[in-house]
């Protein structure tokens, strides 16, 4: 369990395409103003994707910190590999948006109940992608940053 004294040096590296895409940006900047958070924003439209090797530049003591990472599979795979190579894998805690695909099913027809639209699916493509490619509007937070 974390105590308040353990939260006096919190650093967040947040990636989003543009500044306006940073979720809870106003709240995060308020925490920065109150000196409760150090924030580094990486804007992928101009800075490119976060290269894990840049961590030493962004946060020189990264290997000494407990780290919580959440994001796309490629970023998390790179982080796990980097922390393992540095011998500090026990300090990295990840949350994945989707599980890895162990094997693809045969596929078949998918019918979207709200629209009644039926689309052939290959068994390996996520349903959100199948629906979007077929013109079905699907409420989702998956593309928000």
C-alpha atoms as a PDB file:
ATOM      1  CA  UNK A   1       0.000   0.000   0.000  1.00  0.00           C
ATOM      2  CA  UNK A   2       1.338   3.422  -0.943  1.00  0.00           C
ATOM      3  CA  UNK A   3       1.619   6.130   1.670  1.00  0.00           C
ATOM      4  CA  UNK A   4       1.322   9.857   0.894  1.00  0.00           C
ATOM      5  CA  UNK A   5       5.040  10.268   1.524  1.00  0.00           C
ATOM      6  CA  UNK A   6       5.709   7.819  -1.318  1.00  0.00           C
ATOM      7  CA  UNK A   7       3.785  10.028  -3.725  1.00  0.00           C
ATOM      8  CA  UNK A   8       5.908  13.145  -3.411  1.00  0.00           C
ATOM      9  CA  UNK A   9       7.897  12.504  -6.607  1.00  0.00           C
ATOM     10  CA  UNK A  10       5.471  11.317  -9.271  1.00  0.00           C
ATOM     11  CA  UNK A  11       6.449  11.658 -12.911  1.00  0.00           C
ATOM     12  CA  UNK A  12       4.130  11.015 -15.839  1.00  0.00           C
ATOM     13  CA  UNK A  13       5.116  10.639 -19.470  1.00  0.00           C
ATOM     14  CA  UNK A  14       1.913  10.938 -21.508  1.00  0.00           C
ATOM     15  CA  UNK A  15       1.702  10.317 -25.243  1.00  0.00           C
ATOM     16  CA  UNK A  16      -1.057  11.678 -27.444  1.00  0.00           C
ATOM     17  CA  UNK A  17      -1.183  12.902 -31.043  1.00  0.00           C
ATOM     18  CA  UNK A  18      -1.634  16.600 -30.126  1.00  0.00           C
ATOM     19  CA  UNK A  19      -1.898  18.627 -26.894  1.00  0.00           C
ATOM     20  CA  UNK A  20      -5.690  18.767 -27.113  1.00  0.00           C
ATOM     21  CA  UNK A  21      -5.770  14.947 -27.250  1.00  0.00           C
ATOM     22  CA  UNK A  22      -4.202  14.510 -23.799  1.00  0.00           C
ATOM     23  CA  UNK A  23      -6.999  13.125 -21.649  1.00  0.00           C
ATOM     24  CA  UNK A  24      -7.547  15.006 -18.397  1.00  0.00           C
ATOM     25  CA  UNK A  25      -4.994  17.573 -19.586  1.00  0.00           C
ATOM     26  CA  UNK A  26      -6.413  20.440 -17.505  1.00  0.00           C
ATOM     27  CA  UNK A  27      -6.436  18.280 -14.389  1.00  0.00           C
ATOM     28  CA  UNK A  28      -2.889  17.056 -15.037  1.00  0.00           C
ATOM     29  CA  UNK A  29      -1.643  20.619 -15.494  1.00  0.00           C
ATOM     30  CA  UNK A  30      -3.390  21.598 -12.270  1.00  0.00           C
ATOM     31  CA  UNK A  31      -1.437  18.863 -10.453  1.00  0.00           C
ATOM     32  CA  UNK A  32       1.756  20.194 -12.064  1.00  0.00           C
ATOM     33  CA  UNK A  33       0.918  23.730 -10.857  1.00  0.00           C
ATOM     34  CA  UNK A  34       0.372  22.360  -7.340  1.00  0.00           C
ATOM     35  CA  UNK A  35       3.770  20.591  -7.579  1.00  0.00           C
ATOM     36  CA  UNK A  36       2.127  17.185  -7.122  1.00  0.00           C
ATOM     37  CA  UNK A  37       3.212  15.878 -10.516  1.00  0.00           C
ATOM     38  CA  UNK A  38       5.986  16.281 -13.066  1.00  0.00           C
ATOM     39  CA  UNK A  39       4.518  15.848 -16.535  1.00  0.00           C
ATOM     40  CA  UNK A  40       6.192  15.252 -19.878  1.00  0.00           C
ATOM     41  CA  UNK A  41       3.872  15.274 -22.875  1.00  0.00           C
ATOM     42  CA  UNK A  42       4.996  13.526 -26.041  1.00  0.00           C
ATOM     43  CA  UNK A  43       2.883  14.718 -28.984  1.00  0.00           C
ATOM     44  CA  UNK A  44       3.184  11.927 -31.510  1.00  0.00           C
ATOM     45  CA  UNK A  45       2.026  14.026 -34.480  1.00  0.00           C
ATOM     46  CA  UNK A  46       5.111  16.219 -34.100  1.00  0.00           C
ATOM     47  CA  UNK A  47       7.487  14.201 -31.865  1.00  0.00           C
ATOM     48  CA  UNK A  48       6.812  10.748 -33.306  1.00  0.00           C
ATOM     49  CA  UNK A  49       6.083   7.670 -31.218  1.00  0.00           C
ATOM     50  CA  UNK A  50       7.794   7.398 -27.862  1.00  0.00           C
ATOM     51  CA  UNK A  51      11.034   5.501 -28.241  1.00  0.00           C
ATOM     52  CA  UNK A  52      11.664   3.641 -24.974  1.00  0.00           C
ATOM     53  CA  UNK A  53      15.381   4.366 -25.393  1.00  0.00           C
ATOM     54  CA  UNK A  54      14.544   8.082 -24.807  1.00  0.00           C
ATOM     55  CA  UNK A  55      13.592   7.373 -21.194  1.00  0.00           C
ATOM     56  CA  UNK A  56      17.100   8.123 -19.950  1.00  0.00           C
ATOM     57  CA  UNK A  57      16.833  11.557 -21.613  1.00  0.00           C
ATOM     58  CA  UNK A  58      13.315  12.234 -20.277  1.00  0.00           C
ATOM     59  CA  UNK A  59      13.894  10.789 -16.817  1.00  0.00           C
ATOM     60  CA  UNK A  60      17.503   9.934 -15.924  1.00  0.00           C
ATOM     61  CA  UNK A  61      16.529   7.861 -12.850  1.00  0.00           C
ATOM     62  CA  UNK A  62      13.839   5.822 -14.655  1.00  0.00           C
ATOM     63  CA  UNK A  63      15.413   2.465 -13.700  1.00  0.00           C
ATOM     64  CA  UNK A  64      15.178   3.303  -9.984  1.00  0.00           C
ATOM     65  CA  UNK A  65      11.442   4.034 -10.114  1.00  0.00           C
ATOM     66  CA  UNK A  66       8.355   1.868  -9.919  1.00  0.00           C
ATOM     67  CA  UNK A  67       6.720   2.290 -13.314  1.00  0.00           C
ATOM     68  CA  UNK A  68       3.134   1.795 -14.404  1.00  0.00           C
ATOM     69  CA  UNK A  69       2.608   1.656 -18.159  1.00  0.00           C
ATOM     70  CA  UNK A  70      -0.568   1.433 -20.156  1.00  0.00           C
ATOM     71  CA  UNK A  71      -0.888   1.709 -23.903  1.00  0.00           C
ATOM     72  CA  UNK A  72      -0.683  -0.092 -27.213  1.00  0.00           C
ATOM     73  CA  UNK A  73       0.902  -3.524 -27.422  1.00  0.00           C
ATOM     74  CA  UNK A  74       4.002  -2.324 -29.310  1.00  0.00           C
ATOM     75  CA  UNK A  75       4.869   0.219 -26.625  1.00  0.00           C
ATOM     76  CA  UNK A  76       4.329  -2.260 -23.800  1.00  0.00           C
ATOM     77  CA  UNK A  77       6.302  -4.995 -25.574  1.00  0.00           C
ATOM     78  CA  UNK A  78       9.200  -2.546 -26.032  1.00  0.00           C
ATOM     79  CA  UNK A  79       8.974  -1.471 -22.380  1.00  0.00           C
ATOM     80  CA  UNK A  80       8.981  -5.050 -21.102  1.00  0.00           C
ATOM     81  CA  UNK A  81      11.986  -5.869 -23.274  1.00  0.00           C
ATOM     82  CA  UNK A  82      13.852  -2.723 -22.167  1.00  0.00           C
ATOM     83  CA  UNK A  83      13.185  -3.207 -18.428  1.00  0.00           C
ATOM     84  CA  UNK A  84      14.230  -6.874 -18.725  1.00  0.00           C
ATOM     85  CA  UNK A  85      17.446  -5.989 -20.585  1.00  0.00           C
ATOM     86  CA  UNK A  86      18.278  -3.509 -17.808  1.00  0.00           C
ATOM     87  CA  UNK A  87      17.564  -6.118 -15.114  1.00  0.00           C
ATOM     88  CA  UNK A  88      14.742  -4.126 -13.486  1.00  0.00           C
ATOM     89  CA  UNK A  89      11.699  -5.953 -14.884  1.00  0.00           C
ATOM     90  CA  UNK A  90      10.165  -6.225 -11.386  1.00  0.00           C
ATOM     91  CA  UNK A  91       9.734  -2.415 -11.372  1.00  0.00           C
ATOM     92  CA  UNK A  92       7.510  -2.413 -14.477  1.00  0.00           C
ATOM     93  CA  UNK A  93       3.764  -2.918 -14.089  1.00  0.00           C
ATOM     94  CA  UNK A  94       1.703  -2.972 -17.287  1.00  0.00           C
ATOM     95  CA  UNK A  95      -1.938  -2.875 -18.253  1.00  0.00           C
ATOM     96  CA  UNK A  96      -2.838  -3.964 -21.757  1.00  0.00           C
ATOM     97  CA  UNK A  97      -5.818  -2.749 -23.760  1.00  0.00           C
ATOM     98  CA  UNK A  98      -6.245  -6.141 -25.366  1.00  0.00           C
ATOM     99  CA  UNK A  99      -4.876  -9.580 -24.841  1.00  0.00           C
ATOM    100  CA  UNK A 100      -2.583 -11.205 -27.344  1.00  0.00           C
ATOM    101  CA  UNK A 101      -4.151 -13.462 -29.944  1.00  0.00           C
ATOM    102  CA  UNK A 102      -3.050 -17.017 -29.307  1.00  0.00           C
ATOM    103  CA  UNK A 103      -4.771 -18.382 -32.399  1.00  0.00           C
ATOM    104  CA  UNK A 104      -7.264 -16.992 -34.859  1.00  0.00           C
ATOM    105  CA  UNK A 105     -10.645 -18.621 -35.255  1.00  0.00           C
ATOM    106  CA  UNK A 106     -12.128 -19.636 -38.583  1.00  0.00           C
ATOM    107  CA  UNK A 107     -14.184 -16.485 -38.933  1.00  0.00           C
ATOM    108  CA  UNK A 108     -17.632 -16.255 -40.419  1.00  0.00           C
ATOM    109  CA  UNK A 109     -20.512 -13.836 -40.633  1.00  0.00           C
ATOM    110  CA  UNK A 110     -21.011 -11.165 -37.984  1.00  0.00           C
ATOM    111  CA  UNK A 111     -24.349  -9.402 -37.681  1.00  0.00           C
ATOM    112  CA  UNK A 112     -24.398  -6.051 -35.903  1.00  0.00           C
ATOM    113  CA  UNK A 113     -27.705  -5.953 -34.043  1.00  0.00           C
ATOM    114  CA  UNK A 114     -28.146  -2.157 -33.970  1.00  0.00           C
ATOM    115  CA  UNK A 115     -27.923  -1.876 -37.764  1.00  0.00           C
ATOM    116  CA  UNK A 116     -28.786  -5.400 -38.879  1.00  0.00           C
ATOM    117  CA  UNK A 117     -25.730  -5.258 -41.147  1.00  0.00           C
ATOM    118  CA  UNK A 118     -23.997  -8.596 -41.753  1.00  0.00           C
ATOM    119  CA  UNK A 119     -20.275  -8.659 -42.595  1.00  0.00           C
ATOM    120  CA  UNK A 120     -17.863 -11.499 -43.322  1.00  0.00           C
ATOM    121  CA  UNK A 121     -15.114 -11.641 -40.667  1.00  0.00           C
ATOM    122  CA  UNK A 122     -11.795 -13.441 -41.028  1.00  0.00           C
ATOM    123  CA  UNK A 123     -11.490 -14.560 -37.404  1.00  0.00           C
ATOM    124  CA  UNK A 124      -8.284 -12.621 -36.726  1.00  0.00           C
ATOM    125  CA  UNK A 125      -9.496  -9.017 -37.107  1.00  0.00           C
ATOM    126  CA  UNK A 126     -11.034  -7.376 -33.999  1.00  0.00           C
ATOM    127  CA  UNK A 127     -14.794  -6.791 -34.216  1.00  0.00           C
ATOM    128  CA  UNK A 128     -14.316  -3.040 -33.792  1.00  0.00           C
ATOM    129  CA  UNK A 129     -12.161  -2.991 -36.943  1.00  0.00           C
ATOM    130  CA  UNK A 130     -14.621  -5.229 -38.830  1.00  0.00           C
ATOM    131  CA  UNK A 131     -17.522  -2.929 -37.930  1.00  0.00           C
ATOM    132  CA  UNK A 132     -15.687   0.282 -38.768  1.00  0.00           C
ATOM    133  CA  UNK A 133     -14.477  -1.097 -42.106  1.00  0.00           C
ATOM    134  CA  UNK A 134     -18.076  -2.082 -42.862  1.00  0.00           C
ATOM    135  CA  UNK A 135     -19.426   1.371 -42.084  1.00  0.00           C
ATOM    136  CA  UNK A 136     -21.015   0.444 -38.748  1.00  0.00           C
ATOM    137  CA  UNK A 137     -20.748   3.218 -36.145  1.00  0.00           C
ATOM    138  CA  UNK A 138     -19.581   1.534 -32.947  1.00  0.00           C
ATOM    139  CA  UNK A 139     -19.289   3.496 -29.690  1.00  0.00           C
ATOM    140  CA  UNK A 140     -15.802   2.914 -28.334  1.00  0.00           C
ATOM    141  CA  UNK A 141     -13.035   4.649 -26.402  1.00  0.00           C
ATOM    142  CA  UNK A 142     -10.311   2.689 -28.197  1.00  0.00           C
ATOM    143  CA  UNK A 143      -9.278   5.444 -30.596  1.00  0.00           C
ATOM    144  CA  UNK A 144      -9.167   8.283 -28.084  1.00  0.00           C
ATOM    145  CA  UNK A 145      -5.458   8.569 -27.441  1.00  0.00           C
END
